[in-house]
N, C-alpha and C. Protein backbone atom coordinates (compact mmCIF):
# COMPACT_ATOMS: atom_id res chain seq x y z
N UNK A 1 -14.22 2.15 9.03
CA UNK A 1 -13.05 3.01 9.22
C UNK A 1 -12.89 3.93 8.01
N UNK A 2 -13.79 4.87 7.87
CA UNK A 2 -13.72 5.73 6.70
C UNK A 2 -13.80 7.20 7.05
N UNK A 3 -13.44 7.54 8.29
CA UNK A 3 -13.40 8.95 8.66
C UNK A 3 -12.05 9.53 8.28
N UNK A 4 -12.03 10.78 7.92
CA UNK A 4 -10.79 11.46 7.58
C UNK A 4 -10.22 12.03 8.86
N UNK A 5 -9.09 11.52 9.30
CA UNK A 5 -8.54 11.91 10.59
C UNK A 5 -7.03 11.85 10.54
N UNK A 6 -6.40 12.40 11.58
CA UNK A 6 -4.95 12.39 11.66
C UNK A 6 -4.55 12.32 13.12
N UNK A 7 -3.34 11.88 13.39
CA UNK A 7 -2.89 11.65 14.75
C UNK A 7 -1.95 12.74 15.21
N UNK A 8 -2.30 13.53 16.23
CA UNK A 8 -1.39 14.55 16.74
C UNK A 8 -0.06 13.95 17.19
N UNK A 9 -0.11 12.78 17.81
CA UNK A 9 1.12 12.13 18.24
C UNK A 9 2.04 11.87 17.05
N UNK A 10 1.45 11.39 15.96
CA UNK A 10 2.24 11.10 14.78
C UNK A 10 2.87 12.37 14.22
N UNK A 11 2.09 13.44 14.15
CA UNK A 11 2.60 14.68 13.59
C UNK A 11 3.72 15.26 14.43
N UNK A 12 3.56 15.27 15.75
CA UNK A 12 4.55 15.87 16.63
C UNK A 12 5.86 15.10 16.61
N UNK A 13 5.77 13.80 16.41
CA UNK A 13 6.97 12.96 16.51
C UNK A 13 7.83 13.01 15.26
N UNK A 14 7.29 13.45 14.13
CA UNK A 14 8.01 13.26 12.88
C UNK A 14 7.93 14.51 12.01
N UNK A 15 8.57 15.55 12.43
CA UNK A 15 8.51 16.79 11.65
C UNK A 15 9.51 16.80 10.50
N UNK A 16 10.65 16.15 10.68
CA UNK A 16 11.68 16.17 9.65
C UNK A 16 11.95 14.75 9.15
N UNK A 17 11.67 14.48 7.90
CA UNK A 17 11.93 13.13 7.38
C UNK A 17 13.42 12.87 7.25
N UNK A 18 13.80 11.61 7.39
CA UNK A 18 15.19 11.22 7.18
C UNK A 18 15.42 10.76 5.75
N UNK A 19 14.34 10.59 4.99
CA UNK A 19 14.42 10.17 3.59
C UNK A 19 13.14 10.57 2.89
N UNK A 20 13.27 11.03 1.65
CA UNK A 20 12.11 11.39 0.85
C UNK A 20 12.31 10.92 -0.58
N UNK A 21 11.21 10.61 -1.24
CA UNK A 21 11.30 10.14 -2.62
C UNK A 21 9.96 10.38 -3.31
N UNK A 22 10.00 10.68 -4.59
CA UNK A 22 8.79 10.77 -5.41
C UNK A 22 8.80 9.61 -6.39
N UNK A 23 7.72 8.82 -6.37
CA UNK A 23 7.55 7.77 -7.38
C UNK A 23 6.80 8.37 -8.55
N UNK A 24 7.44 8.40 -9.69
CA UNK A 24 6.80 8.96 -10.87
C UNK A 24 5.64 8.07 -11.33
N UNK A 25 4.73 8.60 -12.15
CA UNK A 25 3.61 7.79 -12.63
C UNK A 25 4.08 6.46 -13.22
N UNK A 26 3.45 5.37 -12.81
CA UNK A 26 3.73 4.01 -13.26
C UNK A 26 5.08 3.49 -12.77
N UNK A 27 5.69 4.19 -11.81
CA UNK A 27 6.99 3.79 -11.29
C UNK A 27 6.88 2.75 -10.19
N UNK A 28 8.04 2.40 -9.64
CA UNK A 28 8.12 1.38 -8.58
C UNK A 28 9.35 1.64 -7.75
N UNK A 29 9.37 1.07 -6.54
CA UNK A 29 10.53 1.26 -5.67
C UNK A 29 10.54 0.17 -4.60
N UNK A 30 11.73 -0.16 -4.13
CA UNK A 30 11.91 -1.03 -2.98
C UNK A 30 12.88 -0.37 -2.02
N UNK A 31 12.69 -0.59 -0.72
CA UNK A 31 13.57 0.02 0.29
C UNK A 31 13.37 -0.70 1.61
N UNK A 32 14.27 -0.42 2.55
CA UNK A 32 14.17 -1.00 3.89
C UNK A 32 13.53 0.00 4.85
N UNK A 33 12.76 -0.53 5.78
CA UNK A 33 12.12 0.28 6.82
C UNK A 33 12.41 -0.40 8.15
N UNK A 34 13.14 0.30 9.03
CA UNK A 34 13.54 -0.29 10.31
C UNK A 34 12.39 -0.26 11.31
N UNK A 35 12.41 -1.20 12.23
CA UNK A 35 11.40 -1.24 13.29
C UNK A 35 11.35 0.10 14.01
N UNK A 36 10.16 0.63 14.17
CA UNK A 36 9.96 1.92 14.84
C UNK A 36 9.93 3.11 13.90
N UNK A 37 10.46 2.96 12.69
CA UNK A 37 10.38 4.05 11.72
C UNK A 37 8.97 4.13 11.14
N UNK A 38 8.64 5.32 10.65
CA UNK A 38 7.30 5.56 10.12
C UNK A 38 7.40 5.95 8.65
N UNK A 39 6.67 5.24 7.82
CA UNK A 39 6.58 5.54 6.40
C UNK A 39 5.32 6.33 6.13
N UNK A 40 5.47 7.47 5.50
CA UNK A 40 4.32 8.25 5.04
C UNK A 40 4.20 8.11 3.52
N UNK A 41 3.03 7.71 3.07
CA UNK A 41 2.72 7.64 1.64
C UNK A 41 1.75 8.76 1.33
N UNK A 42 2.12 9.63 0.38
CA UNK A 42 1.34 10.82 0.06
C UNK A 42 0.81 10.73 -1.37
N UNK A 43 -0.46 10.96 -1.54
CA UNK A 43 -1.05 11.08 -2.87
C UNK A 43 -0.84 12.52 -3.32
N UNK A 44 0.18 12.74 -4.12
CA UNK A 44 0.60 14.11 -4.44
C UNK A 44 -0.41 14.85 -5.31
N UNK A 45 -1.05 14.16 -6.23
CA UNK A 45 -1.93 14.83 -7.18
C UNK A 45 -3.40 14.44 -7.04
N UNK A 46 -3.68 13.44 -6.22
CA UNK A 46 -5.05 13.00 -6.00
C UNK A 46 -5.43 11.78 -6.81
N UNK A 47 -6.18 10.87 -6.18
CA UNK A 47 -6.76 9.68 -6.82
C UNK A 47 -5.70 8.76 -7.42
N UNK A 48 -4.62 8.52 -6.67
CA UNK A 48 -3.59 7.60 -7.14
C UNK A 48 -3.37 6.48 -6.13
N UNK A 49 -3.39 5.25 -6.60
CA UNK A 49 -3.27 4.07 -5.75
C UNK A 49 -1.82 3.61 -5.66
N UNK A 50 -1.42 3.19 -4.46
CA UNK A 50 -0.12 2.56 -4.23
C UNK A 50 -0.35 1.10 -3.88
N UNK A 51 0.16 0.19 -4.71
CA UNK A 51 0.11 -1.24 -4.38
C UNK A 51 1.31 -1.56 -3.50
N UNK A 52 1.04 -1.99 -2.27
CA UNK A 52 2.06 -2.08 -1.22
C UNK A 52 2.22 -3.52 -0.75
N UNK A 53 3.46 -3.99 -0.65
CA UNK A 53 3.77 -5.26 -0.01
C UNK A 53 4.99 -5.07 0.87
N UNK A 54 5.18 -5.98 1.82
CA UNK A 54 6.38 -5.93 2.66
C UNK A 54 6.74 -7.32 3.14
N UNK A 55 8.01 -7.47 3.52
CA UNK A 55 8.58 -8.73 3.95
C UNK A 55 9.41 -8.50 5.20
N UNK A 56 9.53 -9.53 6.02
CA UNK A 56 10.46 -9.51 7.14
C UNK A 56 11.88 -9.44 6.58
N UNK A 57 12.61 -8.39 6.91
CA UNK A 57 13.95 -8.20 6.37
C UNK A 57 14.86 -9.39 6.66
N UNK A 58 14.67 -10.04 7.80
CA UNK A 58 15.57 -11.10 8.25
C UNK A 58 15.08 -12.49 7.86
N UNK A 59 13.91 -12.56 7.27
CA UNK A 59 13.34 -13.83 6.80
C UNK A 59 12.31 -13.50 5.73
N UNK A 60 12.76 -13.44 4.48
CA UNK A 60 11.88 -13.00 3.41
C UNK A 60 10.74 -13.97 3.13
N UNK A 61 10.80 -15.15 3.74
CA UNK A 61 9.68 -16.07 3.63
C UNK A 61 8.46 -15.61 4.41
N UNK A 62 8.67 -14.69 5.35
CA UNK A 62 7.56 -14.10 6.11
C UNK A 62 7.15 -12.80 5.44
N UNK A 63 5.91 -12.69 5.05
CA UNK A 63 5.46 -11.56 4.24
C UNK A 63 4.06 -11.13 4.65
N UNK A 64 3.67 -9.99 4.14
CA UNK A 64 2.34 -9.45 4.41
C UNK A 64 1.27 -10.47 4.04
N UNK A 65 0.25 -10.56 4.89
CA UNK A 65 -0.89 -11.44 4.61
C UNK A 65 -2.17 -10.63 4.71
N UNK A 66 -2.83 -10.47 3.59
CA UNK A 66 -4.09 -9.73 3.57
C UNK A 66 -5.16 -10.48 4.35
N UNK A 67 -5.22 -11.79 4.19
CA UNK A 67 -6.26 -12.57 4.87
C UNK A 67 -6.08 -12.53 6.38
N UNK A 68 -4.84 -12.68 6.86
CA UNK A 68 -4.59 -12.61 8.29
C UNK A 68 -4.90 -11.22 8.83
N UNK A 69 -4.56 -10.20 8.06
CA UNK A 69 -4.85 -8.82 8.46
C UNK A 69 -6.35 -8.60 8.63
N UNK A 70 -7.13 -9.08 7.69
CA UNK A 70 -8.59 -8.93 7.78
C UNK A 70 -9.13 -9.67 9.00
N UNK A 71 -8.70 -10.89 9.19
CA UNK A 71 -9.25 -11.70 10.28
C UNK A 71 -8.87 -11.15 11.66
N UNK A 72 -7.60 -10.74 11.83
CA UNK A 72 -7.16 -10.29 13.15
C UNK A 72 -7.65 -8.89 13.48
N UNK A 73 -7.92 -8.07 12.47
CA UNK A 73 -8.54 -6.76 12.72
C UNK A 73 -10.06 -6.87 12.79
N UNK A 74 -10.59 -7.97 12.28
CA UNK A 74 -12.04 -8.13 12.27
C UNK A 74 -12.74 -7.16 11.35
N UNK A 75 -12.04 -6.75 10.27
CA UNK A 75 -12.60 -5.72 9.40
C UNK A 75 -11.92 -5.79 8.04
N UNK A 76 -12.67 -5.54 6.98
CA UNK A 76 -12.07 -5.52 5.65
C UNK A 76 -11.47 -4.16 5.31
N UNK A 77 -11.63 -3.19 6.19
CA UNK A 77 -11.06 -1.87 5.98
C UNK A 77 -9.91 -1.63 6.96
N UNK A 78 -8.95 -0.83 6.53
CA UNK A 78 -7.79 -0.46 7.34
C UNK A 78 -7.88 1.03 7.64
N UNK A 79 -7.65 1.40 8.89
CA UNK A 79 -7.66 2.80 9.28
C UNK A 79 -6.80 3.01 10.51
N UNK A 80 -6.89 4.18 11.12
CA UNK A 80 -6.07 4.51 12.28
C UNK A 80 -6.26 3.45 13.37
N UNK A 81 -5.13 2.93 13.85
CA UNK A 81 -5.15 1.90 14.88
C UNK A 81 -5.12 0.49 14.34
N UNK A 82 -5.35 0.31 13.04
CA UNK A 82 -5.28 -1.02 12.45
C UNK A 82 -3.84 -1.51 12.41
N UNK A 83 -3.70 -2.83 12.44
CA UNK A 83 -2.39 -3.47 12.30
C UNK A 83 -2.37 -4.32 11.05
N UNK A 84 -1.28 -4.24 10.31
CA UNK A 84 -1.06 -5.11 9.16
C UNK A 84 -0.21 -6.29 9.63
N UNK A 85 -0.69 -7.51 9.37
CA UNK A 85 -0.04 -8.71 9.89
C UNK A 85 0.66 -9.51 8.79
N UNK A 86 1.61 -10.33 9.23
CA UNK A 86 2.32 -11.24 8.32
C UNK A 86 1.57 -12.56 8.22
N UNK A 87 2.07 -13.44 7.34
CA UNK A 87 1.47 -14.77 7.22
C UNK A 87 1.85 -15.67 8.39
N UNK A 88 2.68 -15.18 9.30
CA UNK A 88 2.92 -15.86 10.58
C UNK A 88 2.13 -15.20 11.71
N UNK A 89 1.18 -14.33 11.35
CA UNK A 89 0.31 -13.64 12.31
C UNK A 89 1.09 -12.74 13.25
N UNK A 90 2.18 -12.16 12.75
CA UNK A 90 2.96 -11.21 13.55
C UNK A 90 2.74 -9.81 13.01
N UNK A 91 2.68 -8.80 13.89
CA UNK A 91 2.49 -7.42 13.44
C UNK A 91 3.65 -6.95 12.56
N UNK A 92 3.33 -6.35 11.44
CA UNK A 92 4.33 -5.78 10.54
C UNK A 92 4.27 -4.26 10.53
N UNK A 93 3.06 -3.71 10.54
CA UNK A 93 2.86 -2.27 10.45
C UNK A 93 1.65 -1.88 11.29
N UNK A 94 1.68 -0.66 11.80
CA UNK A 94 0.52 -0.09 12.49
C UNK A 94 0.18 1.24 11.84
N UNK A 95 -1.10 1.47 11.60
CA UNK A 95 -1.55 2.72 10.99
C UNK A 95 -1.64 3.78 12.08
N UNK A 96 -0.78 4.81 11.97
CA UNK A 96 -0.77 5.90 12.95
C UNK A 96 -1.63 7.08 12.52
N UNK A 97 -1.69 7.33 11.23
CA UNK A 97 -2.45 8.48 10.72
C UNK A 97 -3.02 8.14 9.36
N UNK A 98 -4.14 8.74 9.03
CA UNK A 98 -4.83 8.44 7.78
C UNK A 98 -5.80 9.56 7.47
N UNK A 99 -5.52 10.33 6.44
CA UNK A 99 -6.38 11.46 6.11
C UNK A 99 -7.44 11.10 5.06
N UNK A 100 -7.47 9.84 4.65
CA UNK A 100 -8.43 9.42 3.62
C UNK A 100 -9.54 8.56 4.22
N UNK A 101 -9.16 7.52 4.94
CA UNK A 101 -10.15 6.65 5.56
C UNK A 101 -10.70 5.56 4.67
N UNK A 102 -10.14 5.38 3.48
CA UNK A 102 -10.61 4.31 2.61
C UNK A 102 -9.42 3.75 1.81
N UNK A 103 -9.11 2.50 2.10
CA UNK A 103 -8.06 1.76 1.40
C UNK A 103 -8.60 0.36 1.14
N UNK A 104 -7.91 -0.43 0.34
CA UNK A 104 -8.47 -1.70 -0.11
C UNK A 104 -7.59 -2.89 0.27
N UNK A 105 -8.24 -3.96 0.74
CA UNK A 105 -7.58 -5.23 1.00
C UNK A 105 -8.14 -6.37 0.15
N UNK A 106 -9.08 -6.08 -0.75
CA UNK A 106 -9.81 -7.13 -1.45
C UNK A 106 -9.47 -7.28 -2.92
N UNK A 107 -9.10 -6.21 -3.59
CA UNK A 107 -9.08 -6.22 -5.05
C UNK A 107 -7.83 -6.83 -5.66
N UNK A 108 -6.79 -7.08 -4.85
CA UNK A 108 -5.59 -7.69 -5.40
C UNK A 108 -4.79 -6.73 -6.27
N UNK A 109 -4.08 -7.30 -7.23
CA UNK A 109 -3.08 -6.56 -7.99
C UNK A 109 -3.36 -6.68 -9.48
N UNK A 110 -3.26 -5.58 -10.21
CA UNK A 110 -3.35 -5.68 -11.66
C UNK A 110 -2.15 -6.49 -12.17
N UNK A 111 -2.41 -7.31 -13.18
CA UNK A 111 -1.36 -8.16 -13.72
C UNK A 111 -1.65 -8.42 -15.20
N UNK A 112 -0.73 -9.10 -15.85
CA UNK A 112 -0.88 -9.36 -17.28
C UNK A 112 -2.15 -10.16 -17.56
N UNK A 113 -2.43 -11.18 -16.74
CA UNK A 113 -3.61 -12.00 -16.97
C UNK A 113 -4.91 -11.23 -16.83
N UNK A 114 -5.01 -10.41 -15.79
CA UNK A 114 -6.23 -9.62 -15.60
C UNK A 114 -6.41 -8.61 -16.73
N UNK A 115 -5.32 -8.00 -17.16
CA UNK A 115 -5.44 -7.04 -18.27
C UNK A 115 -5.87 -7.74 -19.55
N UNK A 116 -5.42 -8.99 -19.74
CA UNK A 116 -5.84 -9.75 -20.92
C UNK A 116 -7.33 -10.07 -20.86
N UNK A 117 -7.79 -10.54 -19.70
CA UNK A 117 -9.20 -10.93 -19.56
C UNK A 117 -10.14 -9.74 -19.61
N UNK A 118 -9.75 -8.64 -18.98
CA UNK A 118 -10.66 -7.50 -18.88
C UNK A 118 -10.59 -6.57 -20.07
N UNK A 119 -9.38 -6.41 -20.63
CA UNK A 119 -9.21 -5.37 -21.65
C UNK A 119 -8.62 -5.87 -22.95
N UNK A 120 -8.30 -7.16 -23.03
CA UNK A 120 -7.73 -7.71 -24.25
C UNK A 120 -6.32 -7.23 -24.53
N UNK A 121 -5.61 -6.81 -23.48
CA UNK A 121 -4.26 -6.28 -23.62
C UNK A 121 -3.33 -7.02 -22.67
N UNK A 122 -2.23 -7.56 -23.17
CA UNK A 122 -1.28 -8.27 -22.31
C UNK A 122 -0.03 -7.46 -22.03
N UNK A 123 0.40 -6.68 -23.00
CA UNK A 123 1.62 -5.91 -22.83
C UNK A 123 1.35 -4.65 -22.01
N UNK A 124 2.43 -4.05 -21.53
CA UNK A 124 2.30 -2.83 -20.76
C UNK A 124 2.55 -3.06 -19.29
N UNK A 125 2.75 -1.99 -18.54
CA UNK A 125 3.07 -2.12 -17.11
C UNK A 125 1.89 -2.63 -16.29
N UNK A 126 2.20 -3.34 -15.24
CA UNK A 126 1.20 -3.76 -14.27
C UNK A 126 1.86 -3.92 -12.92
N UNK A 127 1.07 -3.88 -11.86
CA UNK A 127 1.63 -3.84 -10.51
C UNK A 127 2.36 -5.12 -10.13
N UNK A 128 1.81 -6.26 -10.52
CA UNK A 128 2.48 -7.51 -10.13
C UNK A 128 3.86 -7.61 -10.75
N UNK A 129 3.98 -7.25 -12.02
CA UNK A 129 5.29 -7.27 -12.68
C UNK A 129 6.23 -6.26 -12.04
N UNK A 130 5.71 -5.09 -11.69
CA UNK A 130 6.55 -4.06 -11.06
C UNK A 130 7.07 -4.54 -9.71
N UNK A 131 6.20 -5.13 -8.90
CA UNK A 131 6.61 -5.61 -7.59
C UNK A 131 7.60 -6.76 -7.71
N UNK A 132 7.38 -7.62 -8.69
CA UNK A 132 8.31 -8.73 -8.91
C UNK A 132 9.69 -8.22 -9.32
N UNK A 133 9.72 -7.18 -10.14
CA UNK A 133 11.00 -6.61 -10.56
C UNK A 133 11.75 -6.02 -9.37
N UNK A 134 11.02 -5.39 -8.46
CA UNK A 134 11.65 -4.82 -7.26
C UNK A 134 12.21 -5.92 -6.37
N UNK A 135 11.49 -7.01 -6.23
CA UNK A 135 11.89 -8.06 -5.28
C UNK A 135 12.82 -9.11 -5.87
N UNK A 136 12.97 -9.14 -7.17
CA UNK A 136 13.84 -10.14 -7.80
C UNK A 136 15.26 -10.13 -7.24
N UNK A 137 15.89 -8.95 -7.03
CA UNK A 137 17.25 -8.95 -6.47
C UNK A 137 17.33 -9.56 -5.07
N UNK A 138 16.20 -9.65 -4.37
CA UNK A 138 16.16 -10.24 -3.04
C UNK A 138 15.87 -11.74 -3.09
N UNK A 139 15.73 -12.28 -4.31
CA UNK A 139 15.46 -13.70 -4.44
C UNK A 139 14.00 -14.08 -4.35
N UNK A 140 13.11 -13.10 -4.42
CA UNK A 140 11.66 -13.36 -4.37
C UNK A 140 11.14 -13.42 -5.81
N UNK A 141 10.52 -14.53 -6.18
CA UNK A 141 10.08 -14.73 -7.55
C UNK A 141 8.72 -14.09 -7.81
N UNK A 142 8.36 -14.02 -9.07
CA UNK A 142 7.06 -13.49 -9.48
C UNK A 142 5.92 -14.23 -8.79
N UNK A 143 6.00 -15.55 -8.73
CA UNK A 143 4.95 -16.37 -8.13
C UNK A 143 4.85 -16.18 -6.62
N UNK A 144 5.89 -15.64 -6.00
CA UNK A 144 5.91 -15.45 -4.55
C UNK A 144 5.44 -14.07 -4.12
N UNK A 145 5.07 -13.23 -5.08
CA UNK A 145 4.57 -11.89 -4.72
C UNK A 145 3.21 -12.04 -4.04
N UNK A 146 3.06 -11.51 -2.82
CA UNK A 146 1.79 -11.68 -2.09
C UNK A 146 0.71 -10.72 -2.58
N UNK A 147 -0.51 -10.98 -2.14
CA UNK A 147 -1.59 -10.03 -2.39
C UNK A 147 -1.26 -8.69 -1.72
N UNK A 148 -1.72 -7.62 -2.34
CA UNK A 148 -1.29 -6.28 -1.95
C UNK A 148 -2.28 -5.58 -1.01
N UNK A 149 -1.71 -4.69 -0.21
CA UNK A 149 -2.46 -3.67 0.51
C UNK A 149 -2.53 -2.48 -0.43
N UNK A 150 -3.72 -2.16 -0.92
CA UNK A 150 -3.88 -1.13 -1.94
C UNK A 150 -4.22 0.21 -1.30
N UNK A 151 -3.19 0.97 -1.04
CA UNK A 151 -3.33 2.26 -0.37
C UNK A 151 -4.06 3.24 -1.28
N UNK A 152 -5.08 3.88 -0.76
CA UNK A 152 -5.93 4.88 -1.43
C UNK A 152 -6.94 4.27 -2.40
N UNK A 153 -6.92 2.96 -2.62
CA UNK A 153 -7.88 2.36 -3.55
C UNK A 153 -9.26 2.27 -2.90
N UNK A 154 -10.29 2.51 -3.68
CA UNK A 154 -11.67 2.57 -3.19
C UNK A 154 -12.48 1.44 -3.80
N UNK A 155 -12.76 0.42 -2.99
CA UNK A 155 -13.53 -0.74 -3.45
C UNK A 155 -14.67 -0.99 -2.47
N UNK A 156 -15.78 -0.28 -2.61
CA UNK A 156 -16.91 -0.47 -1.69
C UNK A 156 -17.49 -1.88 -1.77
N UNK A 157 -17.99 -2.35 -0.65
CA UNK A 157 -18.65 -3.66 -0.57
C UNK A 157 -20.13 -3.43 -0.28
N UNK A 158 -20.98 -4.00 -1.12
CA UNK A 158 -22.42 -3.82 -0.97
C UNK A 158 -22.99 -4.85 0.02
N UNK A 159 -24.22 -4.64 0.43
CA UNK A 159 -24.86 -5.51 1.42
C UNK A 159 -24.95 -6.96 0.94
N UNK A 160 -25.05 -7.16 -0.37
CA UNK A 160 -25.15 -8.52 -0.90
C UNK A 160 -23.79 -9.14 -1.19
N UNK A 161 -22.72 -8.43 -0.82
CA UNK A 161 -21.37 -8.93 -1.03
C UNK A 161 -20.73 -8.48 -2.32
N UNK A 162 -21.47 -7.80 -3.18
CA UNK A 162 -20.92 -7.33 -4.44
C UNK A 162 -19.86 -6.25 -4.20
N UNK A 163 -18.80 -6.29 -4.99
CA UNK A 163 -17.77 -5.26 -4.91
C UNK A 163 -17.52 -4.68 -6.29
N UNK A 164 -16.98 -3.49 -6.32
CA UNK A 164 -16.62 -2.84 -7.57
C UNK A 164 -15.68 -1.69 -7.30
N UNK A 165 -14.83 -1.40 -8.26
CA UNK A 165 -13.85 -0.34 -8.11
C UNK A 165 -14.49 1.01 -8.41
N UNK A 166 -14.28 1.96 -7.51
CA UNK A 166 -14.72 3.34 -7.72
C UNK A 166 -13.52 4.27 -7.62
N UNK A 167 -13.71 5.53 -7.97
CA UNK A 167 -12.62 6.51 -7.91
C UNK A 167 -12.13 6.65 -6.48
N UNK A 168 -10.82 6.77 -6.27
CA UNK A 168 -10.30 6.97 -4.91
C UNK A 168 -10.88 8.23 -4.28
N UNK A 169 -10.99 8.20 -2.95
CA UNK A 169 -11.44 9.37 -2.21
C UNK A 169 -10.30 10.32 -1.89
N UNK A 170 -9.08 9.89 -2.14
CA UNK A 170 -7.91 10.71 -1.79
C UNK A 170 -7.80 11.93 -2.67
N UNK A 171 -7.46 13.05 -2.03
CA UNK A 171 -7.20 14.31 -2.72
C UNK A 171 -5.71 14.61 -2.66
N UNK A 172 -5.28 15.58 -3.44
CA UNK A 172 -3.86 15.96 -3.45
C UNK A 172 -3.41 16.32 -2.04
N UNK A 173 -2.35 15.67 -1.58
CA UNK A 173 -1.81 15.93 -0.25
C UNK A 173 -2.26 14.97 0.82
N UNK A 174 -3.27 14.15 0.53
CA UNK A 174 -3.70 13.15 1.51
C UNK A 174 -2.60 12.13 1.74
N UNK A 175 -2.59 11.53 2.94
CA UNK A 175 -1.51 10.60 3.27
C UNK A 175 -1.95 9.56 4.29
N UNK A 176 -1.14 8.52 4.40
CA UNK A 176 -1.27 7.51 5.44
C UNK A 176 0.10 7.29 6.04
N UNK A 177 0.17 7.13 7.37
CA UNK A 177 1.43 6.90 8.08
C UNK A 177 1.42 5.49 8.65
N UNK A 178 2.48 4.74 8.34
CA UNK A 178 2.60 3.34 8.74
C UNK A 178 3.86 3.15 9.57
N UNK A 179 3.71 2.69 10.80
CA UNK A 179 4.85 2.47 11.69
C UNK A 179 5.28 1.01 11.63
N UNK A 180 6.57 0.78 11.32
CA UNK A 180 7.09 -0.58 11.21
C UNK A 180 7.14 -1.24 12.58
N UNK A 181 6.62 -2.45 12.66
CA UNK A 181 6.63 -3.24 13.89
C UNK A 181 7.75 -4.28 13.89
N UNK A 182 8.45 -4.39 12.77
CA UNK A 182 9.65 -5.22 12.63
C UNK A 182 10.47 -4.62 11.51
N UNK A 183 11.71 -5.06 11.36
CA UNK A 183 12.53 -4.61 10.24
C UNK A 183 11.94 -5.17 8.95
N UNK A 184 11.73 -4.29 7.97
CA UNK A 184 11.01 -4.67 6.77
C UNK A 184 11.79 -4.37 5.49
N UNK A 185 11.51 -5.15 4.47
CA UNK A 185 11.78 -4.78 3.08
C UNK A 185 10.43 -4.45 2.46
N UNK A 186 10.32 -3.25 1.93
CA UNK A 186 9.05 -2.75 1.38
C UNK A 186 9.17 -2.64 -0.14
N UNK A 187 8.11 -2.99 -0.83
CA UNK A 187 8.03 -2.76 -2.28
C UNK A 187 6.71 -2.07 -2.58
N UNK A 188 6.78 -1.04 -3.42
CA UNK A 188 5.58 -0.28 -3.79
C UNK A 188 5.54 -0.11 -5.31
N UNK A 189 4.40 -0.40 -5.88
CA UNK A 189 4.13 -0.08 -7.28
C UNK A 189 3.17 1.09 -7.33
N UNK A 190 3.57 2.14 -8.02
CA UNK A 190 2.66 3.26 -8.27
C UNK A 190 1.74 2.80 -9.40
N UNK A 191 0.54 2.40 -9.06
CA UNK A 191 -0.33 1.66 -9.96
C UNK A 191 -0.46 2.33 -11.34
N UNK A 192 -0.14 1.59 -12.41
CA UNK A 192 -0.17 2.17 -13.75
C UNK A 192 -1.52 2.06 -14.45
N UNK A 193 -2.52 1.49 -13.77
CA UNK A 193 -3.79 1.20 -14.44
C UNK A 193 -4.51 2.48 -14.87
N UNK A 194 -4.76 2.58 -16.18
CA UNK A 194 -5.50 3.73 -16.71
C UNK A 194 -6.72 3.28 -17.52
N UNK A 195 -7.02 1.99 -17.48
CA UNK A 195 -8.16 1.46 -18.23
C UNK A 195 -9.44 1.38 -17.40
N UNK A 196 -9.31 1.64 -16.09
CA UNK A 196 -10.51 1.76 -15.26
C UNK A 196 -10.33 2.93 -14.30
N UNK A 197 -11.31 3.14 -13.44
CA UNK A 197 -11.36 4.36 -12.63
C UNK A 197 -10.51 4.28 -11.36
N UNK A 198 -9.78 3.18 -11.15
CA UNK A 198 -9.09 3.01 -9.86
C UNK A 198 -8.09 4.13 -9.58
N UNK A 199 -7.52 4.74 -10.62
CA UNK A 199 -6.65 5.90 -10.47
C UNK A 199 -7.25 7.14 -11.12
N UNK A 200 -8.56 7.17 -11.25
CA UNK A 200 -9.20 8.29 -11.92
C UNK A 200 -8.87 8.35 -13.40
N UNK A 201 -8.52 7.17 -13.99
CA UNK A 201 -8.17 7.03 -15.40
C UNK A 201 -6.86 7.71 -15.78
N UNK A 202 -6.06 8.12 -14.79
CA UNK A 202 -4.78 8.77 -15.10
C UNK A 202 -3.77 8.46 -14.00
N UNK A 203 -2.65 7.85 -14.37
CA UNK A 203 -1.59 7.56 -13.41
C UNK A 203 -0.84 8.84 -13.06
N UNK A 204 -0.65 9.08 -11.76
CA UNK A 204 0.04 10.29 -11.31
C UNK A 204 1.08 9.92 -10.25
N UNK A 205 1.60 10.91 -9.54
CA UNK A 205 2.76 10.70 -8.66
C UNK A 205 2.35 10.32 -7.24
N UNK A 206 3.29 9.66 -6.57
CA UNK A 206 3.18 9.39 -5.14
C UNK A 206 4.42 9.93 -4.44
N UNK A 207 4.26 10.41 -3.23
CA UNK A 207 5.38 10.86 -2.42
C UNK A 207 5.61 9.92 -1.25
N UNK A 208 6.87 9.69 -0.92
CA UNK A 208 7.23 8.84 0.22
C UNK A 208 8.16 9.61 1.15
N UNK A 209 7.95 9.44 2.45
CA UNK A 209 8.86 9.99 3.45
C UNK A 209 9.02 8.97 4.56
N UNK A 210 10.22 8.91 5.13
CA UNK A 210 10.47 8.07 6.30
C UNK A 210 10.87 8.97 7.46
N UNK A 211 10.25 8.73 8.61
CA UNK A 211 10.52 9.49 9.83
C UNK A 211 10.97 8.53 10.92
N UNK A 212 11.81 9.02 11.82
CA UNK A 212 12.10 8.25 13.02
C UNK A 212 10.86 8.24 13.90
N UNK A 213 10.67 7.16 14.64
CA UNK A 213 9.47 7.01 15.44
C UNK A 213 9.45 7.90 16.65
N UNK A 214 8.32 7.90 17.35
CA UNK A 214 8.12 8.78 18.49
C UNK A 214 9.10 8.50 19.62
N UNK A 215 9.56 7.25 19.70
CA UNK A 215 10.47 6.90 20.78
C UNK A 215 11.91 7.23 20.49
N UNK A 216 12.21 7.72 19.28
CA UNK A 216 13.60 7.98 18.89
C UNK A 216 14.12 9.26 19.51
């Protein structure tokens, strides 16, 4: 699922957003997304990763599951038509549009421990801490933060199973549209990693928009 494509249905249904926001470099945000609404994540400047998690608004114990998503889609890649599932194997999001065609479900989240092991640095921003800070007011602890759907991240898998991080394929203005399949609490970390190529060695901005769904 790595073709650059977009959905005419998605475009026609959502011309005017009901909410817009820019996440500044290394920033974070949490918000609610109602069933049927569509979230657009835009790479405003190019090569910027969004670490994305979500929870059932009415039962925060139910959350995004990367492993269930891979197994039920039968693919380690997410693209148009893919569904993101919860740890109860229920649909949470459906991909309606995707102008990049390459996102990551394998690499997990940058955190203090990984930065210590890889770069000898413990202090500074990281996605796991950012997501935990967003979810703390909801009663979700640091240890309960799930593995992330890494929007725009490029982690190719070789024939022998080897993986490695490469520069994102996303260019300025590229986007992905995600339709909520249940009422959600969403948390996004605008990945602050500048010690490897996952953000092109420079943290930049992300744009968010919410649209009412096609049936509205």
